[in-house]
Amino acid sequence: MDRIRNARHFAPRLQRWLAEKAEAQQEAPPAAAASSSPFPVPAPAAVNLLRPPVQLRRPEPTAPQLTGDQDKRQLLVGEYILEYVLKRSTRRSIGFTVDDTGLYVTAPKRCSLADIDNAIRAKQHWILSKLDERRQRRAARLEKPPIVWDDGARLPYLGEEITLRLYQAPRNRTEFDPVAMELSMGLVQGATEQLLKERVKNWYKAQAEGLFQQRLDLYAARLGVQYAGFSLSSADTRWGSCTAQRTIRLNWKLMHFSLPLVDYVVAHELAHILEMNHSARFWANVGRIYPQYEEAKQLLRKRAAELPPLFT
């Protein structure tokens, strides 16, 4: 065990020495042409001398396909031609969902197309605002280079970044070094990129379980309330919720953001135990335990828009 620790300790020094020696033995390369890209080109990740590299099997990109019970339609709404996907179901009312791919309408099987179109027009302001919000978020995410799931990838964690280290191993292993801020993943031969993403996601969720429990207990005591329990959610845009039974759900993706933003969502949901609305009294309760809630609310919206897609 001591030999392994020593090897890990001196490996970075050995890597630097080998790199300096290699540079001394060859002429400096010609200067690269100026890039038109607004993003800096990342340096190649250092080779891990102690662990064999891992080659991931990556899926071929595919366009989203409509299922048999879905129909793509268009509707003129004011001066806009609105495209949406219609899905029939056994539900009793018409529902609307907006995501990065557009508008989805779920309607009862017996509902006429005219009724569906009228329902869309009645909700047009909400629908168009959500579509525009999604468009702005996509544009903000495109300002950052996408995550490449290779050794040396940088992942957002509590407002900072951790380095993903990948190596081939006889069995799957996960280790996190909080000092070096490195998440090491041992992967079996033939592992897929999707498998790696699932393991990283599960690690985030495990970290969220402990941290969220701690923060809920802290702020519940400050507010003088008790919650019945909490669980993790994976919603696209909703960071938390609180039921009338005092059960709280928190989005594990909050682990990408700094601790003050996590605390804001925790304080927000705990305040719903006293007020199941967003009235002035509700915000007064939030302010009792988190006075900077207005700044945190705006910053959370900004950071969420800047976050690149990780687990698509």
Protein backbone atom coordinates (compact mmCIF):
# COMPACT_ATOMS: atom_id res chain seq x y z
CA MET A 1 0.00 0.00 0.00
CA ASP A 2 2.89 2.40 0.82
CA ARG A 3 4.47 1.65 -2.56
CA ILE A 4 1.23 2.48 -4.34
CA ARG A 5 0.87 5.73 -2.41
CA ASN A 6 4.48 6.70 -3.19
CA ALA A 7 3.95 5.87 -6.86
CA ARG A 8 0.86 8.02 -6.99
CA HIS A 9 2.73 10.83 -5.25
CA PHE A 10 5.72 10.84 -7.62
CA ALA A 11 3.81 10.08 -10.82
CA PRO A 12 3.07 13.76 -11.60
CA ARG A 13 6.75 14.64 -11.10
CA LEU A 14 7.79 11.79 -13.39
CA GLN A 15 5.31 12.94 -16.02
CA ARG A 16 6.66 16.50 -15.91
CA TRP A 17 10.25 15.25 -16.16
CA LEU A 18 9.46 13.09 -19.19
CA ALA A 19 7.63 15.97 -20.85
CA GLU A 20 10.53 18.40 -20.27
CA LYS A 21 13.02 15.85 -21.57
CA ALA A 22 10.97 15.26 -24.71
CA GLU A 23 10.74 19.00 -25.37
CA ALA A 24 14.48 19.39 -25.01
CA GLN A 25 15.13 16.68 -27.62
CA GLN A 26 13.04 18.22 -30.40
CA GLU A 27 12.77 21.62 -32.04
CA ALA A 28 9.96 23.88 -31.07
CA PRO A 29 6.97 23.39 -33.40
CA PRO A 30 5.90 26.27 -35.67
CA ALA A 31 3.38 28.68 -34.21
CA ALA A 32 -0.19 27.61 -34.80
CA ALA A 33 -2.44 29.78 -36.93
CA ALA A 34 -4.77 32.02 -35.01
CA SER A 35 -8.01 30.24 -34.34
CA SER A 36 -11.32 31.86 -35.14
CA SER A 37 -12.94 29.95 -32.29
CA PRO A 38 -13.85 32.05 -29.22
CA PHE A 39 -12.90 29.12 -26.96
CA PRO A 40 -9.35 28.18 -25.94
CA VAL A 41 -8.18 24.82 -27.22
CA PRO A 42 -7.57 22.58 -24.18
CA ALA A 43 -4.18 20.95 -23.78
CA PRO A 44 -4.11 17.16 -24.19
CA ALA A 45 -4.55 15.26 -20.95
CA ALA A 46 -1.39 13.86 -19.37
CA VAL A 47 -0.83 10.14 -19.83
CA ASN A 48 -1.39 8.16 -16.65
CA LEU A 49 1.78 6.09 -16.20
CA LEU A 50 0.34 3.91 -13.46
CA ARG A 51 -2.95 2.78 -15.00
CA PRO A 52 -3.79 1.48 -18.47
CA PRO A 53 -5.95 3.87 -20.54
CA VAL A 54 -9.55 3.06 -21.25
CA GLN A 55 -11.25 3.10 -24.65
CA LEU A 56 -14.97 3.83 -24.45
CA ARG A 57 -17.48 2.50 -26.95
CA ARG A 58 -19.47 5.55 -28.02
CA PRO A 59 -22.99 5.43 -29.49
CA GLU A 60 -23.77 6.82 -32.91
CA PRO A 61 -25.82 10.04 -32.72
CA THR A 62 -29.43 9.55 -33.72
CA ALA A 63 -32.26 12.00 -34.27
CA PRO A 64 -35.28 11.70 -31.94
CA GLN A 65 -37.96 9.49 -33.46
CA LEU A 66 -41.71 9.81 -33.06
CA THR A 67 -43.53 6.82 -31.61
CA GLY A 68 -46.64 5.29 -33.14
CA ASP A 69 -49.00 7.26 -30.91
CA GLN A 70 -47.40 10.64 -31.71
CA ASP A 71 -48.22 13.02 -34.55
CA LYS A 72 -46.28 16.12 -35.61
CA ARG A 73 -48.55 19.10 -36.34
CA GLN A 74 -48.43 22.83 -37.06
CA LEU A 75 -50.67 25.67 -35.92
CA LEU A 76 -50.73 29.35 -36.81
CA VAL A 77 -50.62 31.29 -33.54
CA GLY A 78 -50.70 35.02 -34.21
CA GLU A 79 -47.77 35.58 -36.55
CA TYR A 80 -45.99 32.39 -35.54
CA ILE A 81 -46.19 28.94 -37.10
CA LEU A 82 -46.04 26.74 -34.02
CA GLU A 83 -44.88 23.15 -34.47
CA TYR A 84 -45.79 20.61 -31.84
CA VAL A 85 -45.98 16.87 -31.25
CA LEU A 86 -49.43 15.55 -30.35
CA LYS A 87 -49.79 12.44 -28.23
CA ARG A 88 -53.10 10.81 -27.40
CA SER A 89 -53.61 9.31 -23.95
CA THR A 90 -56.24 8.25 -21.43
CA ARG A 91 -55.85 11.46 -19.42
CA ARG A 92 -58.93 13.66 -19.00
CA SER A 93 -57.41 17.04 -19.81
CA ILE A 94 -54.96 18.56 -22.28
CA GLY A 95 -51.40 18.89 -21.01
CA PHE A 96 -48.42 20.85 -22.34
CA THR A 97 -44.71 20.11 -22.02
CA VAL A 98 -41.85 22.23 -23.39
CA ASP A 99 -38.31 20.91 -23.62
CA ASP A 100 -35.25 21.57 -25.78
CA THR A 101 -36.84 19.78 -28.74
CA GLY A 102 -40.06 21.81 -28.73
CA LEU A 103 -43.69 21.63 -27.61
CA TYR A 104 -45.45 18.37 -26.72
CA VAL A 105 -49.22 18.25 -26.29
CA THR A 106 -50.92 15.32 -24.57
CA ALA A 107 -54.66 15.12 -25.16
CA PRO A 108 -57.52 12.70 -24.45
CA LYS A 109 -58.26 10.27 -27.26
CA ARG A 110 -61.75 11.70 -27.82
CA CYS A 111 -60.60 15.32 -27.88
CA SER A 112 -61.05 16.94 -31.32
CA LEU A 113 -58.22 18.72 -33.15
CA ALA A 114 -60.22 21.95 -32.99
CA ASP A 115 -60.40 21.71 -29.19
CA ILE A 116 -56.67 21.03 -29.03
CA ASP A 117 -55.88 24.03 -31.25
CA ASN A 118 -58.11 26.26 -29.12
CA ALA A 119 -56.35 25.05 -25.95
CA ILE A 120 -52.98 25.88 -27.49
CA ARG A 121 -54.15 29.37 -28.45
CA ALA A 122 -55.47 29.91 -24.92
CA LYS A 123 -52.01 29.04 -23.53
CA GLN A 124 -50.02 30.70 -26.31
CA HIS A 125 -48.36 33.33 -24.10
CA TRP A 126 -47.08 30.68 -21.68
CA ILE A 127 -46.03 28.34 -24.50
CA LEU A 128 -44.18 31.01 -26.51
CA SER A 129 -42.41 32.34 -23.42
CA LYS A 130 -41.26 28.85 -22.45
CA LEU A 131 -40.05 28.12 -25.99
CA ASP A 132 -38.11 31.40 -26.01
CA GLU A 133 -36.67 30.63 -22.58
CA ARG A 134 -35.51 27.23 -23.85
CA ARG A 135 -33.98 28.86 -26.94
CA GLN A 136 -32.00 31.30 -24.79
CA ARG A 137 -30.78 28.48 -22.58
CA ARG A 138 -29.60 26.48 -25.57
CA ALA A 139 -27.77 29.53 -26.93
CA ALA A 140 -26.07 30.10 -23.57
CA ARG A 141 -25.00 26.45 -23.37
CA LEU A 142 -23.53 26.59 -26.88
CA GLU A 143 -21.20 29.35 -25.69
CA LYS A 144 -19.30 26.69 -23.75
CA PRO A 145 -17.62 23.69 -25.41
CA PRO A 146 -19.45 20.41 -24.80
CA ILE A 147 -18.16 17.88 -22.29
CA VAL A 148 -16.00 15.22 -23.94
CA TRP A 149 -16.15 12.07 -21.83
CA ASP A 150 -12.44 11.25 -21.85
CA ASP A 151 -9.71 11.07 -19.26
CA GLY A 152 -9.09 14.61 -18.03
CA ALA A 153 -12.64 15.87 -18.60
CA ARG A 154 -13.71 18.71 -16.31
CA LEU A 155 -17.06 18.38 -14.55
CA PRO A 156 -18.96 21.02 -12.52
CA TYR A 157 -19.16 20.23 -8.81
CA LEU A 158 -20.41 22.59 -6.10
CA GLY A 159 -19.47 25.69 -8.08
CA GLU A 160 -15.99 24.42 -8.92
CA GLU A 161 -14.63 21.82 -11.31
CA ILE A 162 -13.37 18.30 -10.72
CA THR A 163 -11.17 16.29 -13.07
CA LEU A 164 -12.42 12.95 -14.36
CA ARG A 165 -9.73 10.25 -14.37
CA LEU A 166 -10.40 7.06 -16.33
CA TYR A 167 -8.42 3.84 -16.32
CA GLN A 168 -8.98 0.24 -17.27
CA ALA A 169 -9.63 -2.10 -14.35
CA PRO A 170 -10.75 -5.70 -13.80
CA ARG A 171 -13.91 -4.37 -12.15
CA ASN A 172 -15.73 -1.05 -11.89
CA ARG A 173 -14.37 1.23 -9.17
CA THR A 174 -15.08 4.82 -8.11
CA GLU A 175 -12.80 6.99 -5.98
CA PHE A 176 -12.94 10.70 -5.21
CA ASP A 177 -9.97 12.71 -3.97
CA PRO A 178 -11.35 15.93 -2.42
CA VAL A 179 -7.86 17.43 -2.12
CA ALA A 180 -6.85 16.91 -5.75
CA MET A 181 -10.49 17.36 -6.83
CA GLU A 182 -10.26 14.21 -8.96
CA LEU A 183 -12.96 11.63 -9.61
CA SER A 184 -11.32 8.35 -10.65
CA MET A 185 -13.35 5.74 -12.50
CA GLY A 186 -12.02 2.23 -13.08
CA LEU A 187 -13.82 0.75 -16.08
CA VAL A 188 -13.85 -2.80 -17.36
CA GLN A 189 -12.76 -3.48 -20.92
CA GLY A 190 -15.50 -2.70 -23.44
CA ALA A 191 -17.25 -0.16 -21.20
CA THR A 192 -19.53 2.25 -23.04
CA GLU A 193 -19.76 6.00 -22.75
CA GLN A 194 -23.34 5.60 -21.55
CA LEU A 195 -22.17 3.33 -18.73
CA LEU A 196 -19.61 5.94 -17.69
CA LYS A 197 -22.26 8.67 -17.67
CA GLU A 198 -24.57 6.55 -15.51
CA ARG A 199 -21.80 5.88 -13.00
CA VAL A 200 -20.86 9.56 -12.79
CA LYS A 201 -24.54 10.45 -12.39
CA ASN A 202 -24.90 7.89 -9.58
CA TRP A 203 -21.86 9.39 -7.87
CA TYR A 204 -23.42 12.86 -8.03
CA LYS A 205 -26.63 11.47 -6.55
CA ALA A 206 -24.77 9.76 -3.69
CA GLN A 207 -23.05 13.05 -2.85
CA ALA A 208 -26.38 14.88 -3.03
CA GLU A 209 -28.04 12.50 -0.57
CA GLY A 210 -25.63 13.35 2.22
CA LEU A 211 -25.27 17.06 1.52
CA PHE A 212 -28.98 17.77 1.08
CA GLN A 213 -29.84 15.94 4.30
CA GLN A 214 -27.31 18.07 6.17
CA ARG A 215 -28.54 21.36 4.72
CA LEU A 216 -32.22 20.50 5.26
CA ASP A 217 -31.59 19.73 8.92
CA LEU A 218 -29.63 22.97 9.36
CA TYR A 219 -32.21 25.29 7.80
CA ALA A 220 -35.23 23.46 9.20
CA ALA A 221 -33.87 24.12 12.69
CA ARG A 222 -33.34 27.80 11.85
CA LEU A 223 -36.89 28.15 10.51
CA GLY A 224 -38.40 26.11 13.34
CA VAL A 225 -40.13 23.56 11.10
CA GLN A 226 -39.98 19.82 10.61
CA TYR A 227 -40.10 18.06 7.26
CA ALA A 228 -41.45 14.54 6.86
CA GLY A 229 -38.73 13.33 4.51
CA PHE A 230 -36.90 14.12 1.31
CA SER A 231 -35.94 12.45 -1.95
CA LEU A 232 -33.98 13.29 -5.07
CA SER A 233 -35.52 14.39 -8.33
CA SER A 234 -34.20 14.58 -11.90
CA ALA A 235 -36.49 17.27 -13.30
CA ASP A 236 -35.25 19.32 -16.24
CA THR A 237 -35.98 22.78 -14.84
CA ARG A 238 -37.52 22.38 -11.39
CA TRP A 239 -34.97 22.52 -8.59
CA GLY A 240 -37.23 21.48 -5.73
CA SER A 241 -40.75 20.91 -4.48
CA CYS A 242 -42.64 20.54 -1.20
CA THR A 243 -45.90 18.66 -0.74
CA ALA A 244 -48.72 19.35 1.68
CA GLN A 245 -47.46 16.31 3.60
CA ARG A 246 -44.14 18.19 4.20
CA THR A 247 -42.19 15.89 1.89
CA ILE A 248 -39.42 17.69 0.04
CA ARG A 249 -37.82 16.79 -3.28
CA LEU A 250 -34.52 18.32 -4.36
CA ASN A 251 -32.91 18.04 -7.77
CA TRP A 252 -29.57 16.21 -7.60
CA LYS A 253 -28.27 18.48 -10.41
CA LEU A 254 -27.97 21.22 -7.78
CA MET A 255 -24.62 19.54 -7.04
CA HIS A 256 -23.27 21.36 -10.09
CA PHE A 257 -23.74 24.72 -8.36
CA SER A 258 -22.12 26.42 -5.38
CA LEU A 259 -23.29 25.66 -1.85
CA PRO A 260 -25.03 29.05 -1.37
CA LEU A 261 -27.30 28.24 -4.32
CA VAL A 262 -28.05 24.81 -2.86
CA ASP A 263 -28.91 26.50 0.42
CA TYR A 264 -31.26 28.92 -1.33
CA VAL A 265 -33.31 26.06 -2.83
CA VAL A 266 -33.33 24.26 0.53
CA ALA A 267 -34.57 27.39 2.33
CA HIS A 268 -37.15 27.98 -0.41
CA GLU A 269 -38.69 24.52 -0.12
CA LEU A 270 -38.67 24.51 3.69
CA ALA A 271 -40.53 27.83 3.69
CA HIS A 272 -43.34 26.11 1.77
CA ILE A 273 -44.08 24.09 4.91
CA LEU A 274 -45.42 27.34 6.37
CA GLU A 275 -46.85 28.85 3.17
CA MET A 276 -47.80 26.67 0.19
CA ASN A 277 -47.62 29.65 -2.18
CA HIS A 278 -45.31 32.47 -3.23
CA SER A 279 -47.00 35.25 -1.29
CA ALA A 280 -45.25 38.07 0.54
CA ARG A 281 -45.45 36.02 3.75
CA PHE A 282 -43.72 33.12 2.00
CA TRP A 283 -40.79 35.27 0.87
CA ALA A 284 -40.59 36.82 4.33
CA ASN A 285 -40.08 33.32 5.76
CA VAL A 286 -37.39 32.60 3.17
CA GLY A 287 -35.69 35.87 4.09
CA ARG A 288 -35.63 34.94 7.78
CA ILE A 289 -33.20 32.10 7.13
CA TYR A 290 -31.69 33.18 3.79
CA PRO A 291 -31.64 37.00 3.47
CA GLN A 292 -29.85 37.00 0.08
CA TYR A 293 -32.57 34.96 -1.61
CA GLU A 294 -33.23 37.50 -4.40
CA GLU A 295 -29.61 37.52 -5.52
CA ALA A 296 -29.41 33.73 -5.24
CA LYS A 297 -32.58 33.30 -7.31
CA GLN A 298 -31.15 35.38 -10.14
CA LEU A 299 -27.74 33.73 -9.95
CA LEU A 300 -29.24 30.23 -10.02
CA ARG A 301 -31.13 31.10 -13.19
CA LYS A 302 -27.93 32.45 -14.75
CA ARG A 303 -25.77 29.47 -13.77
CA ALA A 304 -28.39 27.01 -14.97
CA ALA A 305 -28.47 28.70 -18.38
CA GLU A 306 -24.68 28.54 -18.64
CA LEU A 307 -24.43 24.86 -17.72
CA PRO A 308 -23.54 22.65 -20.72
CA PRO A 309 -25.56 19.46 -21.22
CA LEU A 310 -23.78 16.64 -19.44
CA PHE A 311 -25.87 13.48 -19.47
CA THR A 312 -27.64 13.56 -22.85
